[in-house]
N, C-alpha and C. Protein backbone atom coordinates (compact mmCIF):
# COMPACT_ATOMS: atom_id res chain seq x y z
N GLN A 1 -20.28 6.56 -3.99
CA GLN A 1 -19.72 5.89 -3.33
C GLN A 1 -18.10 4.69 -3.54
N VAL A 2 -17.52 5.80 -3.07
CA VAL A 2 -15.88 5.49 -3.49
C VAL A 2 -15.90 4.18 -1.69
N GLN A 3 -15.48 3.03 -2.26
CA GLN A 3 -14.93 1.77 -2.31
C GLN A 3 -13.69 1.25 -1.35
N VAL A 4 -13.32 1.39 -0.72
CA VAL A 4 -11.79 0.57 -1.16
C VAL A 4 -11.58 -0.75 -0.26
N VAL A 5 -10.82 -1.76 -0.59
CA VAL A 5 -11.28 -3.06 -0.52
C VAL A 5 -9.93 -3.60 -0.79
N GLU A 6 -8.69 -4.02 0.78
CA GLU A 6 -7.87 -4.55 0.73
C GLU A 6 -7.99 -6.05 0.52
N SER A 7 -6.96 -7.10 0.34
CA SER A 7 -7.60 -8.22 0.40
C SER A 7 -5.81 -9.09 0.21
N GLY A 8 -5.40 -10.03 1.08
CA GLY A 8 -4.20 -10.68 0.99
C GLY A 8 -3.48 -10.88 2.38
N GLY A 9 -2.88 -10.63 2.41
CA GLY A 9 -1.99 -11.08 4.12
C GLY A 9 -2.11 -12.37 4.93
N GLY A 10 -1.49 -12.10 5.68
CA GLY A 10 -2.43 -12.91 6.73
C GLY A 10 -0.88 -13.62 7.73
N LEU A 11 -0.35 -14.42 8.09
CA LEU A 11 0.54 -15.22 8.66
C LEU A 11 1.72 -15.93 7.78
N VAL A 12 2.43 -15.06 7.97
CA VAL A 12 3.86 -16.26 6.93
C VAL A 12 4.57 -15.45 7.71
N GLN A 13 6.12 -16.91 7.63
CA GLN A 13 6.76 -17.32 7.88
C GLN A 13 8.08 -15.86 7.41
N ALA A 14 9.49 -15.47 7.66
CA ALA A 14 9.89 -15.01 8.08
C ALA A 14 10.88 -15.20 6.91
N TRP A 15 10.80 -13.72 6.06
CA TRP A 15 11.68 -14.08 4.08
C TRP A 15 10.85 -14.87 3.34
N GLU A 16 9.87 -15.44 3.40
CA GLU A 16 8.27 -15.68 2.54
C GLU A 16 7.89 -14.33 1.72
N SER A 17 6.91 -14.86 1.29
CA SER A 17 6.65 -14.01 0.64
C SER A 17 5.38 -13.24 0.64
N ALA A 18 4.40 -12.59 0.42
CA ALA A 18 2.84 -11.94 0.21
C ALA A 18 2.75 -10.65 -0.18
N GLY A 19 1.36 -11.05 -1.08
CA GLY A 19 1.07 -10.03 -1.76
C GLY A 19 -0.40 -9.90 -1.57
N LEU A 20 -0.31 -9.00 -1.49
CA LEU A 20 -1.27 -7.63 -1.27
C LEU A 20 -2.80 -7.03 -2.14
N SER A 21 -3.49 -6.93 -2.32
CA SER A 21 -4.36 -6.30 -3.03
C SER A 21 -5.67 -5.06 -3.18
N CYS A 22 -5.72 -4.25 -4.03
CA CYS A 22 -7.02 -3.38 -2.95
C CYS A 22 -7.67 -3.46 -4.31
N THR A 23 -8.58 -2.48 -4.38
CA THR A 23 -9.46 -2.79 -5.58
C THR A 23 -10.04 -1.58 -4.94
N VAL A 24 -10.57 -0.94 -5.35
CA VAL A 24 -10.47 0.55 -5.82
C VAL A 24 -11.54 0.58 -6.76
N SER A 25 -13.77 1.20 -6.15
CA SER A 25 -14.91 2.14 -6.82
C SER A 25 -15.07 2.50 -6.92
N GLY A 26 -16.02 3.11 -7.78
CA GLY A 26 -16.90 4.36 -7.07
C GLY A 26 -16.41 5.63 -7.34
N LEU A 27 -14.50 5.57 -8.28
CA LEU A 27 -14.33 7.54 -8.80
C LEU A 27 -12.89 6.57 -9.61
N THR A 28 -12.69 7.51 -10.77
CA THR A 28 -12.00 7.33 -11.90
C THR A 28 -10.78 6.70 -11.63
N PHE A 29 -10.13 5.37 -11.42
CA PHE A 29 -8.80 4.79 -10.81
C PHE A 29 -8.39 5.41 -11.63
N ASP A 30 -8.20 6.04 -12.28
CA ASP A 30 -6.51 6.04 -13.62
C ASP A 30 -6.20 7.61 -13.27
N ASP A 31 -7.10 8.08 -12.42
CA ASP A 31 -6.69 10.01 -12.64
C ASP A 31 -6.32 9.68 -11.17
N TYR A 32 -6.35 8.78 -10.52
CA TYR A 32 -5.27 8.72 -8.51
C TYR A 32 -4.12 8.33 -8.42
N ALA A 33 -3.03 8.96 -7.90
CA ALA A 33 -1.47 8.14 -7.26
C ALA A 33 -2.32 7.51 -6.23
N MET A 34 -1.67 5.97 -5.76
CA MET A 34 -2.16 5.10 -4.42
C MET A 34 -0.88 5.32 -4.05
N GLY A 35 -1.33 4.91 -2.53
CA GLY A 35 -0.47 4.58 -1.73
C GLY A 35 -0.76 3.81 -0.63
N TRP A 36 0.02 2.54 -0.65
CA TRP A 36 -0.20 1.77 0.69
C TRP A 36 0.90 2.29 1.79
N PHE A 37 0.43 1.96 3.47
CA PHE A 37 0.70 2.68 4.42
C PHE A 37 0.41 1.36 5.02
N ARG A 38 1.02 1.58 6.43
CA ARG A 38 1.09 0.45 7.30
C ARG A 38 1.04 0.66 9.60
N ARG A 39 0.44 0.47 9.87
CA ARG A 39 0.19 0.37 11.34
C ARG A 39 0.30 -0.64 11.89
N VAL A 40 1.63 -0.08 12.98
CA VAL A 40 2.20 -1.14 14.76
C VAL A 40 1.17 -0.16 15.86
N PRO A 41 0.44 -0.54 16.11
CA PRO A 41 0.00 -0.81 17.46
C PRO A 41 1.24 -0.09 18.72
N GLY A 42 0.80 1.40 18.37
CA GLY A 42 1.70 2.44 19.67
C GLY A 42 2.38 3.29 18.59
N LYS A 43 2.16 2.71 17.47
CA LYS A 43 3.52 3.16 17.32
C LYS A 43 2.75 4.31 15.30
N GLU A 44 3.60 5.23 14.76
CA GLU A 44 2.84 6.02 14.10
C GLU A 44 3.14 5.44 12.31
N ARG A 45 1.63 5.43 12.22
CA ARG A 45 1.76 5.26 10.85
C ARG A 45 2.67 5.12 9.61
N GLU A 46 2.75 4.57 8.92
CA GLU A 46 4.21 4.68 8.54
C GLU A 46 3.98 4.54 6.60
N GLY A 47 4.31 5.48 6.07
CA GLY A 47 4.19 5.06 4.12
C GLY A 47 5.32 3.73 3.79
N VAL A 48 4.50 2.87 3.04
CA VAL A 48 5.27 1.74 3.07
C VAL A 48 6.23 2.06 1.59
N SER A 49 5.02 3.10 0.01
CA SER A 49 4.65 2.78 -1.05
C SER A 49 3.83 4.04 -1.98
N CYS A 50 3.95 4.59 -2.85
CA CYS A 50 3.13 5.46 -3.01
C CYS A 50 2.95 4.93 -5.34
N ILE A 51 2.24 4.89 -6.07
CA ILE A 51 2.64 5.20 -7.34
C ILE A 51 1.47 5.94 -8.32
N GLY A 52 2.56 6.59 -9.12
CA GLY A 52 2.16 7.66 -9.74
C GLY A 52 0.46 6.61 -10.42
N TRP A 53 -0.82 7.76 -11.69
CA TRP A 53 -1.33 7.56 -12.17
C TRP A 53 -1.28 6.63 -12.52
N SER A 54 -0.44 6.22 -13.48
CA SER A 54 0.18 5.43 -14.65
C SER A 54 1.40 4.59 -13.74
N GLY A 55 1.40 4.06 -12.62
CA GLY A 55 1.88 2.60 -12.14
C GLY A 55 3.98 3.23 -12.93
N GLY A 56 3.98 4.19 -14.06
CA GLY A 56 5.26 4.10 -14.44
C GLY A 56 5.86 4.51 -13.09
N SER A 57 5.36 5.35 -12.41
CA SER A 57 5.90 6.35 -11.01
C SER A 57 5.83 5.17 -9.56
N THR A 58 7.26 5.52 -8.91
CA THR A 58 6.80 4.14 -7.79
C THR A 58 7.90 4.77 -7.10
N TYR A 59 7.51 4.75 -6.05
CA TYR A 59 8.24 4.84 -4.24
C TYR A 59 7.95 4.36 -3.33
N TYR A 60 9.30 3.97 -2.40
CA TYR A 60 8.93 3.10 -1.14
C TYR A 60 9.93 3.97 -0.29
N ALA A 61 9.28 3.22 1.27
CA ALA A 61 10.24 4.30 2.27
C ALA A 61 10.70 2.83 2.25
N ASP A 62 12.54 3.77 2.57
CA ASP A 62 13.81 2.58 2.95
C ASP A 62 13.83 1.13 3.60
N SER A 63 12.68 1.09 4.33
CA SER A 63 13.03 -0.24 4.83
C SER A 63 12.00 -1.31 4.42
N VAL A 64 11.28 -0.28 2.70
CA VAL A 64 11.02 -1.93 2.55
C VAL A 64 12.37 -1.11 0.85
N LYS A 65 11.99 -0.88 -0.08
CA LYS A 65 13.38 -0.92 -0.75
C LYS A 65 14.13 -1.82 -1.24
N GLY A 66 14.51 -3.16 -2.23
CA GLY A 66 14.48 -4.12 -2.75
C GLY A 66 13.75 -5.12 -2.89
N ARG A 67 12.32 -4.96 -1.39
CA ARG A 67 12.10 -5.89 -0.83
C ARG A 67 10.29 -5.90 -1.42
N PHE A 68 10.08 -5.05 -1.79
CA PHE A 68 8.49 -4.90 -1.34
C PHE A 68 8.12 -4.11 -3.39
N THR A 69 7.37 -4.13 -3.83
CA THR A 69 6.92 -4.16 -4.90
C THR A 69 5.73 -3.56 -5.51
N VAL A 70 5.15 -2.76 -5.49
CA VAL A 70 3.81 -1.77 -5.71
C VAL A 70 3.42 -1.82 -7.34
N SER A 71 2.25 -2.51 -8.29
CA SER A 71 1.80 -2.24 -9.38
C SER A 71 0.69 -2.03 -9.26
N ARG A 72 0.15 -1.37 -10.53
CA ARG A 72 -1.66 -1.07 -10.70
C ARG A 72 -1.85 -2.17 -12.14
N ASP A 73 -2.92 -2.24 -11.75
CA ASP A 73 -3.71 -2.23 -13.16
C ASP A 73 -5.07 -1.58 -13.26
N ASN A 74 -5.02 -0.66 -14.40
CA ASN A 74 -6.14 0.46 -14.36
C ASN A 74 -6.93 -0.36 -14.46
N ASP A 75 -7.10 -1.22 -15.22
CA ASP A 75 -8.59 -1.66 -16.17
C ASP A 75 -8.80 -2.49 -15.63
N LYS A 76 -8.36 -2.92 -14.03
CA LYS A 76 -9.02 -3.53 -12.96
C LYS A 76 -9.03 -3.08 -12.00
N ASN A 77 -8.42 -1.54 -11.58
CA ASN A 77 -8.49 -0.77 -10.52
C ASN A 77 -8.24 -1.25 -9.81
N THR A 78 -6.62 -1.78 -9.45
CA THR A 78 -6.28 -2.98 -7.78
C THR A 78 -5.01 -1.78 -8.24
N LEU A 79 -4.37 -1.87 -6.98
CA LEU A 79 -3.12 -2.00 -6.10
C LEU A 79 -3.25 -3.09 -5.75
N TYR A 80 -1.97 -3.01 -6.20
CA TYR A 80 -0.99 -4.39 -5.57
C TYR A 80 0.45 -3.55 -4.93
N LEU A 81 0.27 -5.09 -4.10
CA LEU A 81 2.10 -5.05 -2.91
C LEU A 81 3.31 -5.85 -3.06
N GLN A 82 3.27 -6.10 -3.84
CA GLN A 82 4.23 -7.88 -3.39
C GLN A 82 5.56 -7.67 -2.57
N MET A 83 5.10 -8.51 -1.50
CA MET A 83 6.37 -8.69 -0.66
C MET A 83 7.18 -9.33 -0.52
N ASN A 84 8.69 -9.27 -0.72
CA ASN A 84 9.51 -11.48 -0.63
C ASN A 84 10.56 -9.94 0.91
N SER A 85 10.21 -11.25 0.99
CA SER A 85 12.12 -12.02 1.65
C SER A 85 11.37 -10.79 3.00
N LEU A 86 9.78 -11.57 3.92
CA LEU A 86 9.81 -10.31 4.64
C LEU A 86 10.15 -11.10 6.28
N LYS A 87 9.97 -9.69 6.43
CA LYS A 87 11.15 -9.42 8.25
C LYS A 87 9.70 -9.79 9.30
N PRO A 88 9.64 -10.42 9.96
CA PRO A 88 8.87 -9.92 11.33
C PRO A 88 8.81 -8.18 11.41
N GLU A 89 9.71 -7.14 11.12
CA GLU A 89 9.60 -6.33 11.83
C GLU A 89 8.95 -5.48 11.14
N ASP A 90 7.88 -6.22 9.83
CA ASP A 90 7.23 -5.55 8.53
C ASP A 90 5.78 -6.34 9.37
N THR A 91 5.84 -6.79 10.56
CA THR A 91 4.27 -6.89 10.16
C THR A 91 3.46 -5.32 11.32
N ALA A 92 2.33 -5.24 10.53
CA ALA A 92 1.47 -4.52 10.82
C ALA A 92 -0.05 -4.53 10.09
N MET A 93 -0.57 -3.60 10.52
CA MET A 93 -1.98 -3.59 9.10
C MET A 93 -1.66 -2.57 8.32
N TYR A 94 -1.39 -3.06 7.07
CA TYR A 94 -1.75 -2.66 5.97
C TYR A 94 -2.97 -1.68 5.42
N TYR A 95 -2.52 -0.43 4.97
CA TYR A 95 -3.65 0.17 4.68
C TYR A 95 -3.82 0.83 3.00
N CYS A 96 -4.74 0.61 1.65
CA CYS A 96 -4.78 1.11 0.65
C CYS A 96 -5.38 2.71 0.63
N ALA A 97 -4.86 3.16 -0.48
CA ALA A 97 -5.11 4.61 0.44
C ALA A 97 -5.48 5.78 -1.15
N VAL A 98 -5.78 6.42 -1.22
CA VAL A 98 -6.49 6.87 -2.45
C VAL A 98 -5.57 8.45 -2.97
N SER A 99 -5.25 8.82 -3.39
CA SER A 99 -4.42 10.21 -3.50
C SER A 99 -5.39 11.59 -3.81
N SER A 100 -5.33 12.53 -2.86
CA SER A 100 -5.98 13.25 -3.74
C SER A 100 -5.25 13.70 -4.80
N ARG A 101 -4.14 13.58 -5.80
CA ARG A 101 -3.46 13.66 -6.39
C ARG A 101 -2.77 12.50 -7.76
N GLY A 102 -2.79 12.70 -8.93
CA GLY A 102 -2.48 11.75 -10.28
C GLY A 102 -0.75 12.11 -9.54
N TYR A 103 -0.90 11.86 -8.84
CA TYR A 103 0.47 11.97 -8.70
C TYR A 103 1.62 12.06 -7.63
N CYS A 104 2.73 11.31 -7.00
CA CYS A 104 3.14 10.52 -6.05
C CYS A 104 4.72 12.15 -5.25
N ALA A 105 3.31 13.05 -3.78
CA ALA A 105 3.80 14.47 -3.71
C ALA A 105 5.39 13.87 -3.77
N VAL A 106 6.71 14.54 -3.24
CA VAL A 106 6.88 15.14 -2.51
C VAL A 106 7.62 14.92 -1.01
N SER A 107 8.09 13.42 0.21
CA SER A 107 7.24 13.90 0.71
C SER A 107 6.15 13.33 0.79
N TRP A 108 5.84 12.20 -0.16
CA TRP A 108 4.38 11.43 -0.08
C TRP A 108 4.62 10.84 1.63
N SER A 109 5.30 10.19 1.69
CA SER A 109 5.18 9.74 3.02
C SER A 109 5.07 10.17 3.90
N ALA A 110 4.91 11.12 4.71
CA ALA A 110 4.62 12.33 5.15
C ALA A 110 3.37 13.30 5.30
N ARG A 111 2.16 13.44 4.21
CA ARG A 111 1.45 13.47 4.21
C ARG A 111 0.10 12.60 3.77
N SER A 112 -0.10 12.17 4.83
CA SER A 112 -1.37 10.73 4.96
C SER A 112 -2.82 11.94 4.74
N TYR A 113 -2.45 12.79 4.62
CA TYR A 113 -4.20 13.64 4.92
C TYR A 113 -3.75 13.80 3.87
N GLU A 114 -3.41 13.91 3.33
CA GLU A 114 -3.53 13.92 1.65
C GLU A 114 -4.29 12.93 0.71
N TYR A 115 -4.36 11.44 1.81
CA TYR A 115 -5.21 11.05 0.45
C TYR A 115 -6.63 10.67 1.08
N ASN A 116 -6.96 10.79 0.65
CA ASN A 116 -9.24 11.07 0.70
C ASN A 116 -9.64 9.46 1.25
N TYR A 117 -9.63 8.41 0.85
CA TYR A 117 -9.96 7.09 1.12
C TYR A 117 -9.61 6.05 1.09
N TRP A 118 -9.06 5.87 2.38
CA TRP A 118 -9.21 4.19 3.39
C TRP A 118 -9.81 3.29 2.70
N GLY A 119 -8.47 2.41 2.86
CA GLY A 119 -9.58 1.09 3.54
C GLY A 119 -9.74 0.19 4.73
N GLN A 120 -10.12 -0.97 4.78
CA GLN A 120 -10.89 -0.83 6.46
C GLN A 120 -8.99 -1.32 6.43
N GLY A 121 -7.65 -1.90 5.77
CA GLY A 121 -6.79 -2.93 6.30
C GLY A 121 -6.38 -4.72 6.16
N THR A 122 -5.37 -4.92 6.46
CA THR A 122 -4.98 -6.05 5.81
C THR A 122 -4.02 -6.34 6.65
N GLN A 123 -4.51 -7.60 8.07
CA GLN A 123 -3.04 -7.64 9.23
C GLN A 123 -2.08 -8.74 7.76
N VAL A 124 -0.71 -8.44 8.25
CA VAL A 124 0.60 -8.72 7.92
C VAL A 124 1.38 -9.57 9.16
N THR A 125 1.40 -10.83 9.47
CA THR A 125 2.21 -11.10 10.91
C THR A 125 3.47 -11.17 9.98
N VAL A 126 4.32 -11.21 10.27
CA VAL A 126 5.59 -11.70 9.73
C VAL A 126 5.97 -12.72 11.66
N SER A 127 6.10 -13.75 11.14
CA SER A 127 6.45 -15.08 12.49
C SER A 127 8.57 -14.91 12.08
N SER A 128 8.68 -15.21 13.02
CA SER A 128 10.59 -15.37 12.60
C SER A 128 10.22 -17.19 12.93
């Protein structure tokens, strides 16, 4: 049974930093690319970042590029998202997801249907 569990987040002030973690069990973690997505009520889910199986390839949404950093530790089966210079518009529920591929596909952010396993989400709220 595959389990995907996010942690971190919470309430932070604008321009501060926060980090998210995602631990995966029940599969061979380093076989798969991983993604971070976020959703705000009333809006479509947005792809935030994708990282390939080895961690050597990373991709970001334009809205977070230069502020967020994705990484993974395959020995610990854990995915990370370091979020710096947070803005109120970053407020969302953040989800970790396991891709069906070992690499990030072209248009990875629009292909959430290719992610087979999802966590329950962790809320990030940025106050101004």
